[in-house]
PDB file of N, CA and C in Angstrom:
ATOM      1  N   MET A   1     106.051 -72.008-164.064  1.00  0.00           N
ATOM      2  CA  MET A   1     105.342 -71.098-164.936  1.00  0.00           C
ATOM      3  C   MET A   1     106.237 -69.907-165.255  1.00  0.00           C
ATOM      4  N   GLU A   2     106.285 -69.543-166.484  1.00  0.00           N
ATOM      5  CA  GLU A   2     107.141 -68.448-166.930  1.00  0.00           C
ATOM      6  C   GLU A   2     106.489 -67.109-166.620  1.00  0.00           C
ATOM      7  N   ASP A   3     107.302 -66.146-166.165  1.00  0.00           N
ATOM      8  CA  ASP A   3     106.775 -64.813-165.867  1.00  0.00           C
ATOM      9  C   ASP A   3     106.326 -64.126-167.144  1.00  0.00           C
ATOM     10  N   THR A   4     105.224 -63.426-167.045  1.00  0.00           N
ATOM     11  CA  THR A   4     104.703 -62.673-168.174  1.00  0.00           C
ATOM     12  C   THR A   4     105.610 -61.480-168.426  1.00  0.00           C
ATOM     13  N   ILE A   5     105.897 -61.228-169.689  1.00  0.00           N
ATOM     14  CA  ILE A   5     106.769 -60.121-170.045  1.00  0.00           C
ATOM     15  C   ILE A   5     105.944 -59.028-170.696  1.00  0.00           C
ATOM     16  N   LEU A   6     106.089 -57.816-170.190  1.00  0.00           N
ATOM     17  CA  LEU A   6     105.383 -56.660-170.711  1.00  0.00           C
ATOM     18  C   LEU A   6     106.404 -55.550-170.888  1.00  0.00           C
ATOM     19  N   PHE A   7     106.531 -55.012-172.077  1.00  0.00           N
ATOM     20  CA  PHE A   7     107.527 -53.990-172.406  1.00  0.00           C
ATOM     21  C   PHE A   7     108.944 -54.482-172.117  1.00  0.00           C
ATOM     22  N   GLY A   8     109.178 -55.764-172.262  1.00  0.00           N
ATOM     23  CA  GLY A   8     110.493 -56.332-172.027  1.00  0.00           C
ATOM     24  C   GLY A   8     110.832 -56.537-170.569  1.00  0.00           C
ATOM     25  N   LEU A   9     109.859 -56.364-169.681  1.00  0.00           N
ATOM     26  CA  LEU A   9     110.090 -56.519-168.246  1.00  0.00           C
ATOM     27  C   LEU A   9     109.121 -57.545-167.681  1.00  0.00           C
ATOM     28  N   THR A  10     109.573 -58.261-166.674  1.00  0.00           N
ATOM     29  CA  THR A  10     108.650 -59.143-165.968  1.00  0.00           C
ATOM     30  C   THR A  10     107.767 -58.278-165.080  1.00  0.00           C
ATOM     31  N   PHE A  11     106.687 -58.858-164.582  1.00  0.00           N
ATOM     32  CA  PHE A  11     105.758 -58.080-163.770  1.00  0.00           C
ATOM     33  C   PHE A  11     106.416 -57.523-162.505  1.00  0.00           C
ATOM     34  N   PRO A  12     107.226 -58.304-161.764  1.00  0.00           N
ATOM     35  CA  PRO A  12     107.872 -57.716-160.582  1.00  0.00           C
ATOM     36  C   PRO A  12     108.827 -56.565-160.928  1.00  0.00           C
ATOM     37  N   GLN A  13     109.511 -56.659-162.059  1.00  0.00           N
ATOM     38  CA  GLN A  13     110.393 -55.578-162.482  1.00  0.00           C
ATOM     39  C   GLN A  13     109.591 -54.336-162.842  1.00  0.00           C
ATOM     40  N   LEU A  14     108.479 -54.513-163.534  1.00  0.00           N
ATOM     41  CA  LEU A  14     107.618 -53.405-163.910  1.00  0.00           C
ATOM     42  C   LEU A  14     107.007 -52.750-162.673  1.00  0.00           C
ATOM     43  N   GLU A  15     106.612 -53.566-161.707  1.00  0.00           N
ATOM     44  CA  GLU A  15     106.046 -53.059-160.460  1.00  0.00           C
ATOM     45  C   GLU A  15     107.085 -52.252-159.684  1.00  0.00           C
ATOM     46  N   ASP A  16     108.314 -52.735-159.623  1.00  0.00           N
ATOM     47  CA  ASP A  16     109.391 -52.029-158.932  1.00  0.00           C
ATOM     48  C   ASP A  16     109.697 -50.702-159.625  1.00  0.00           C
ATOM     49  N   LEU A  17     109.707 -50.707-160.933  1.00  0.00           N
ATOM     50  CA  LEU A  17     109.941 -49.488-161.702  1.00  0.00           C
ATOM     51  C   LEU A  17     108.846 -48.451-161.442  1.00  0.00           C
ATOM     52  N   ALA A  18     107.606 -48.899-161.428  1.00  0.00           N
ATOM     53  CA  ALA A  18     106.493 -47.987-161.178  1.00  0.00           C
ATOM     54  C   ALA A  18     106.564 -47.406-159.775  1.00  0.00           C
ATOM     55  N   LEU A  19     106.946 -48.226-158.800  1.00  0.00           N
ATOM     56  CA  LEU A  19     107.019 -47.761-157.419  1.00  0.00           C
ATOM     57  C   LEU A  19     108.129 -46.739-157.240  1.00  0.00           C
ATOM     58  N   LYS A  20     109.242 -46.918-157.930  1.00  0.00           N
ATOM     59  CA  LYS A  20     110.392 -46.033-157.738  1.00  0.00           C
ATOM     60  C   LYS A  20     110.377 -44.801-158.636  1.00  0.00           C
ATOM     61  N   ILE A  21     109.659 -44.832-159.743  1.00  0.00           N
ATOM     62  CA  ILE A  21     109.674 -43.698-160.674  1.00  0.00           C
ATOM     63  C   ILE A  21     108.313 -43.020-160.793  1.00  0.00           C
ATOM     64  N   LEU A  22     107.272 -43.780-161.013  1.00  0.00           N
ATOM     65  CA  LEU A  22     105.976 -43.174-161.275  1.00  0.00           C
ATOM     66  C   LEU A  22     105.317 -42.584-160.030  1.00  0.00           C
ATOM     67  N   VAL A  23     105.432 -43.232-158.896  1.00  0.00           N
ATOM     68  CA  VAL A  23     104.821 -42.699-157.675  1.00  0.00           C
ATOM     69  C   VAL A  23     105.509 -41.399-157.242  1.00  0.00           C
ATOM     70  N   PRO A  24     106.851 -41.320-157.219  1.00  0.00           N
ATOM     71  CA  PRO A  24     107.468 -40.019-156.914  1.00  0.00           C
ATOM     72  C   PRO A  24     107.122 -38.936-157.938  1.00  0.00           C
ATOM     73  N   ALA A  25     106.979 -39.308-159.205  1.00  0.00           N
ATOM     74  CA  ALA A  25     106.572 -38.327-160.214  1.00  0.00           C
ATOM     75  C   ALA A  25     105.162 -37.821-159.916  1.00  0.00           C
ATOM     76  N   PHE A  26     104.282 -38.709-159.491  1.00  0.00           N
ATOM     77  CA  PHE A  26     102.928 -38.309-159.131  1.00  0.00           C
ATOM     78  C   PHE A  26     102.935 -37.394-157.897  1.00  0.00           C
ATOM     79  N   ILE A  27     103.816 -37.676-156.941  1.00  0.00           N
ATOM     80  CA  ILE A  27     103.936 -36.826-155.750  1.00  0.00           C
ATOM     81  C   ILE A  27     104.411 -35.431-156.144  1.00  0.00           C
ATOM     82  N   LEU A  28     105.384 -35.344-157.031  1.00  0.00           N
ATOM     83  CA  LEU A  28     105.853 -34.039-157.499  1.00  0.00           C
ATOM     84  C   LEU A  28     104.736 -33.277-158.206  1.00  0.00           C
ATOM     85  N   TYR A  29     103.929 -33.982-158.975  1.00  0.00           N
ATOM     86  CA  TYR A  29     102.794 -33.350-159.648  1.00  0.00           C
ATOM     87  C   TYR A  29     101.782 -32.841-158.619  1.00  0.00           C
ATOM     88  N   MET A  30     101.557 -33.609-157.554  1.00  0.00           N
ATOM     89  CA  MET A  30     100.642 -33.164-156.506  1.00  0.00           C
ATOM     90  C   MET A  30     101.176 -31.924-155.797  1.00  0.00           C
ATOM     91  N   ILE A  31     102.497 -31.844-155.593  1.00  0.00           N
ATOM     92  CA  ILE A  31     103.101 -30.655-154.991  1.00  0.00           C
ATOM     93  C   ILE A  31     102.881 -29.447-155.895  1.00  0.00           C
ATOM     94  N   PHE A  32     103.030 -29.650-157.205  1.00  0.00           N
ATOM     95  CA  PHE A  32     102.772 -28.567-158.157  1.00  0.00           C
ATOM     96  C   PHE A  32     101.317 -28.100-158.063  1.00  0.00           C
ATOM     97  N   ILE A  33     100.389 -29.046-157.966  1.00  0.00           N
ATOM     98  CA  ILE A  33      98.969 -28.690-157.871  1.00  0.00           C
ATOM     99  C   ILE A  33      98.690 -27.897-156.601  1.00  0.00           C
ATOM    100  N   ILE A  34      99.264 -28.315-155.474  1.00  0.00           N
ATOM    101  CA  ILE A  34      99.054 -27.603-154.215  1.00  0.00           C
ATOM    102  C   ILE A  34      99.643 -26.199-154.291  1.00  0.00           C
ATOM    103  N   ALA A  35     100.845 -26.070-154.870  1.00  0.00           N
ATOM    104  CA  ALA A  35     101.476 -24.756-155.008  1.00  0.00           C
ATOM    105  C   ALA A  35     100.653 -23.854-155.919  1.00  0.00           C
ATOM    106  N   ASN A  36     100.143 -24.400-156.995  1.00  0.00           N
ATOM    107  CA  ASN A  36      99.310 -23.629-157.913  1.00  0.00           C
ATOM    108  C   ASN A  36      98.016 -23.180-157.227  1.00  0.00           C
ATOM    109  N   LEU A  37      97.431 -24.055-156.435  1.00  0.00           N
ATOM    110  CA  LEU A  37      96.233 -23.714-155.682  1.00  0.00           C
ATOM    111  C   LEU A  37      96.516 -22.595-154.681  1.00  0.00           C
ATOM    112  N   ALA A  38      97.642 -22.675-153.993  1.00  0.00           N
ATOM    113  CA  ALA A  38      98.008 -21.632-153.026  1.00  0.00           C
ATOM    114  C   ALA A  38      98.252 -20.304-153.738  1.00  0.00           C
ATOM    115  N   TRP A  39      98.889 -20.345-154.900  1.00  0.00           N
ATOM    116  CA  TRP A  39      99.202 -19.113-155.635  1.00  0.00           C
ATOM    117  C   TRP A  39      97.934 -18.469-156.188  1.00  0.00           C
ATOM    118  N   LYS A  40      97.064 -19.281-156.796  1.00  0.00           N
ATOM    119  CA  LYS A  40      95.852 -18.723-157.411  1.00  0.00           C
ATOM    120  C   LYS A  40      94.835 -18.243-156.383  1.00  0.00           C
ATOM    121  N   SER A  41      94.841 -18.830-155.191  1.00  0.00           N
ATOM    122  CA  SER A  41      93.899 -18.397-154.162  1.00  0.00           C
ATOM    123  C   SER A  41      94.472 -17.260-153.326  1.00  0.00           C
ATOM    124  N   LYS A  42      95.722 -16.852-153.628  1.00  0.00           N
ATOM    125  CA  LYS A  42      96.409 -15.787-152.895  1.00  0.00           C
ATOM    126  C   LYS A  42      96.389 -16.067-151.391  1.00  0.00           C
ATOM    127  N   ALA A  43      96.790 -17.278-151.042  1.00  0.00           N
ATOM    128  CA  ALA A  43      96.718 -17.739-149.663  1.00  0.00           C
ATOM    129  C   ALA A  43      97.771 -17.089-148.768  1.00  0.00           C
ATOM    130  N   GLY A  44      98.849 -16.580-149.326  1.00  0.00           N
ATOM    131  CA  GLY A  44      99.926 -16.033-148.506  1.00  0.00           C
ATOM    132  C   GLY A  44     100.805 -17.149-147.961  1.00  0.00           C
ATOM    133  N   LYS A  45     101.829 -16.769-147.213  1.00  0.00           N
ATOM    134  CA  LYS A  45     102.773 -17.766-146.701  1.00  0.00           C
ATOM    135  C   LYS A  45     102.117 -18.699-145.687  1.00  0.00           C
ATOM    136  N   TYR A  46     101.351 -18.120-144.791  1.00  0.00           N
ATOM    137  CA  TYR A  46     100.710 -18.915-143.741  1.00  0.00           C
ATOM    138  C   TYR A  46      99.650 -19.856-144.339  1.00  0.00           C
ATOM    139  N   GLY A  47      98.856 -19.355-145.238  1.00  0.00           N
ATOM    140  CA  GLY A  47      97.841 -20.185-145.885  1.00  0.00           C
ATOM    141  C   GLY A  47      98.455 -21.277-146.744  1.00  0.00           C
ATOM    142  N   ALA A  48      99.550 -20.940-147.444  1.00  0.00           N
ATOM    143  CA  ALA A  48     100.229 -21.934-148.273  1.00  0.00           C
ATOM    144  C   ALA A  48     100.813 -23.042-147.396  1.00  0.00           C
ATOM    145  N   MET A  49     101.342 -22.654-146.227  1.00  0.00           N
ATOM    146  CA  MET A  49     101.884 -23.658-145.309  1.00  0.00           C
ATOM    147  C   MET A  49     100.782 -24.629-144.888  1.00  0.00           C
ATOM    148  N   TRP A  50      99.593 -24.106-144.566  1.00  0.00           N
ATOM    149  CA  TRP A  50      98.496 -24.977-144.155  1.00  0.00           C
ATOM    150  C   TRP A  50      97.989 -25.825-145.311  1.00  0.00           C
ATOM    151  N   LEU A  51      97.991 -25.278-146.519  1.00  0.00           N
ATOM    152  CA  LEU A  51      97.591 -26.081-147.679  1.00  0.00           C
ATOM    153  C   LEU A  51      98.549 -27.250-147.880  1.00  0.00           C
ATOM    154  N   PHE A  52      99.847 -26.968-147.835  1.00  0.00           N
ATOM    155  CA  PHE A  52     100.827 -28.031-148.010  1.00  0.00           C
ATOM    156  C   PHE A  52     100.738 -29.049-146.884  1.00  0.00           C
ATOM    157  N   LEU A  53     100.524 -28.579-145.659  1.00  0.00           N
ATOM    158  CA  LEU A  53     100.419 -29.499-144.536  1.00  0.00           C
ATOM    159  C   LEU A  53      99.175 -30.374-144.660  1.00  0.00           C
ATOM    160  N   ALA A  54      98.033 -29.760-144.904  1.00  0.00           N
ATOM    161  CA  ALA A  54      96.778 -30.509-144.947  1.00  0.00           C
ATOM    162  C   ALA A  54      96.693 -31.429-146.165  1.00  0.00           C
ATOM    163  N   LEU A  55      97.085 -30.940-147.320  1.00  0.00           N
ATOM    164  CA  LEU A  55      96.951 -31.735-148.538  1.00  0.00           C
ATOM    165  C   LEU A  55      98.144 -32.651-148.785  1.00  0.00           C
ATOM    166  N   GLY A  56      99.264 -32.358-148.144  1.00  0.00           N
ATOM    167  CA  GLY A  56     100.462 -33.157-148.359  1.00  0.00           C
ATOM    168  C   GLY A  56     100.640 -34.313-147.395  1.00  0.00           C
ATOM    169  N   VAL A  57      99.768 -34.424-146.406  1.00  0.00           N
ATOM    170  CA  VAL A  57      99.889 -35.499-145.418  1.00  0.00           C
ATOM    171  C   VAL A  57      99.782 -36.870-146.084  1.00  0.00           C
ATOM    172  N   GLY A  58      99.064 -36.953-147.167  1.00  0.00           N
ATOM    173  CA  GLY A  58      98.852 -38.229-147.840  1.00  0.00           C
ATOM    174  C   GLY A  58     100.119 -38.895-148.326  1.00  0.00           C
ATOM    175  N   PHE A  59     101.094 -38.128-148.771  1.00  0.00           N
ATOM    176  CA  PHE A  59     102.307 -38.762-149.279  1.00  0.00           C
ATOM    177  C   PHE A  59     103.481 -38.684-148.311  1.00  0.00           C
ATOM    178  N   ILE A  60     103.285 -38.099-147.143  1.00  0.00           N
ATOM    179  CA  ILE A  60     104.364 -38.054-146.152  1.00  0.00           C
ATOM    180  C   ILE A  60     104.723 -39.467-145.690  1.00  0.00           C
ATOM    181  N   GLY A  61     103.731 -40.318-145.516  1.00  0.00           N
ATOM    182  CA  GLY A  61     103.986 -41.700-145.112  1.00  0.00           C
ATOM    183  C   GLY A  61     104.800 -42.463-146.130  1.00  0.00           C
ATOM    184  N   PHE A  62     104.525 -42.240-147.402  1.00  0.00           N
ATOM    185  CA  PHE A  62     105.290 -42.914-148.457  1.00  0.00           C
ATOM    186  C   PHE A  62     106.753 -42.489-148.424  1.00  0.00           C
ATOM    187  N   VAL A  63     106.990 -41.193-148.270  1.00  0.00           N
ATOM    188  CA  VAL A  63     108.358 -40.676-148.222  1.00  0.00           C
ATOM    189  C   VAL A  63     109.059 -41.159-146.952  1.00  0.00           C
ATOM    190  N   ALA A  64     108.349 -41.151-145.824  1.00  0.00           N
ATOM    191  CA  ALA A  64     108.933 -41.603-144.562  1.00  0.00           C
ATOM    192  C   ALA A  64     109.319 -43.081-144.639  1.00  0.00           C
ATOM    193  N   LYS A  65     108.469 -43.884-145.254  1.00  0.00           N
ATOM    194  CA  LYS A  65     108.765 -45.310-145.396  1.00  0.00           C
ATOM    195  C   LYS A  65     110.044 -45.523-146.204  1.00  0.00           C
ATOM    196  N   ALA A  66     110.192 -44.774-147.285  1.00  0.00           N
ATOM    197  CA  ALA A  66     111.394 -44.909-148.118  1.00  0.00           C
ATOM    198  C   ALA A  66     112.640 -44.485-147.348  1.00  0.00           C
ATOM    199  N   LEU A  67     112.543 -43.407-146.578  1.00  0.00           N
ATOM    200  CA  LEU A  67     113.693 -42.955-145.785  1.00  0.00           C
ATOM    201  C   LEU A  67     114.060 -43.955-144.702  1.00  0.00           C
ATOM    202  N   ILE A  68     113.077 -44.515-144.035  1.00  0.00           N
ATOM    203  CA  ILE A  68     113.357 -45.508-142.989  1.00  0.00           C
ATOM    204  C   ILE A  68     113.991 -46.749-143.581  1.00  0.00           C
ATOM    205  N   GLN A  69     113.498 -47.203-144.720  1.00  0.00           N
ATOM    206  CA  GLN A  69     114.100 -48.360-145.377  1.00  0.00           C
ATOM    207  C   GLN A  69     115.536 -48.072-145.776  1.00  0.00           C
ATOM    208  N   TYR A  70     115.797 -46.869-146.280  1.00  0.00           N
ATOM    209  CA  TYR A  70     117.154 -46.506-146.692  1.00  0.00           C
ATOM    210  C   TYR A  70     118.086 -46.474-145.481  1.00  0.00           C
ATOM    211  N   MET A  71     117.620 -45.856-144.386  1.00  0.00           N
ATOM    212  CA  MET A  71     118.461 -45.726-143.196  1.00  0.00           C
ATOM    213  C   MET A  71     118.734 -47.064-142.537  1.00  0.00           C
ATOM    214  N   LEU A  72     117.798 -48.004-142.589  1.00  0.00           N
ATOM    215  CA  LEU A  72     117.992 -49.319-141.996  1.00  0.00           C
ATOM    216  C   LEU A  72     118.622 -50.319-142.954  1.00  0.00           C
ATOM    217  N   GLY A  73     118.768 -49.948-144.202  1.00  0.00           N
ATOM    218  CA  GLY A  73     119.368 -50.837-145.195  1.00  0.00           C
ATOM    219  C   GLY A  73     118.430 -51.953-145.621  1.00  0.00           C
ATOM    220  N   ILE A  74     117.133 -51.732-145.517  1.00  0.00           N
ATOM    221  CA  ILE A  74     116.126 -52.715-145.902  1.00  0.00           C
ATOM    222  C   ILE A  74     115.690 -52.408-147.332  1.00  0.00           C
ATOM    223  N   GLU A  75     115.567 -53.431-148.140  1.00  0.00           N
ATOM    224  CA  GLU A  75     115.087 -53.214-149.516  1.00  0.00           C
ATOM    225  C   GLU A  75     113.976 -54.122-149.854  1.00  0.00           C
TER     226      GLU A  75
END
């Protein structure tokens, strides 16, 4: 069976592209949202640290997984 082509890419290629580009872009956007929330609420340094820690835990695992794969040479 021939792979379906979407935007000139097969589905596995499109999935790999989304994982490597779109998810990190979404993480950067989430960091911007957390920083904006800390700034507008006048949380201060200590409050901003807790906001980033509490709200940023969700993507720490994704970043850690990528670093571990890079360090072990797994792709």
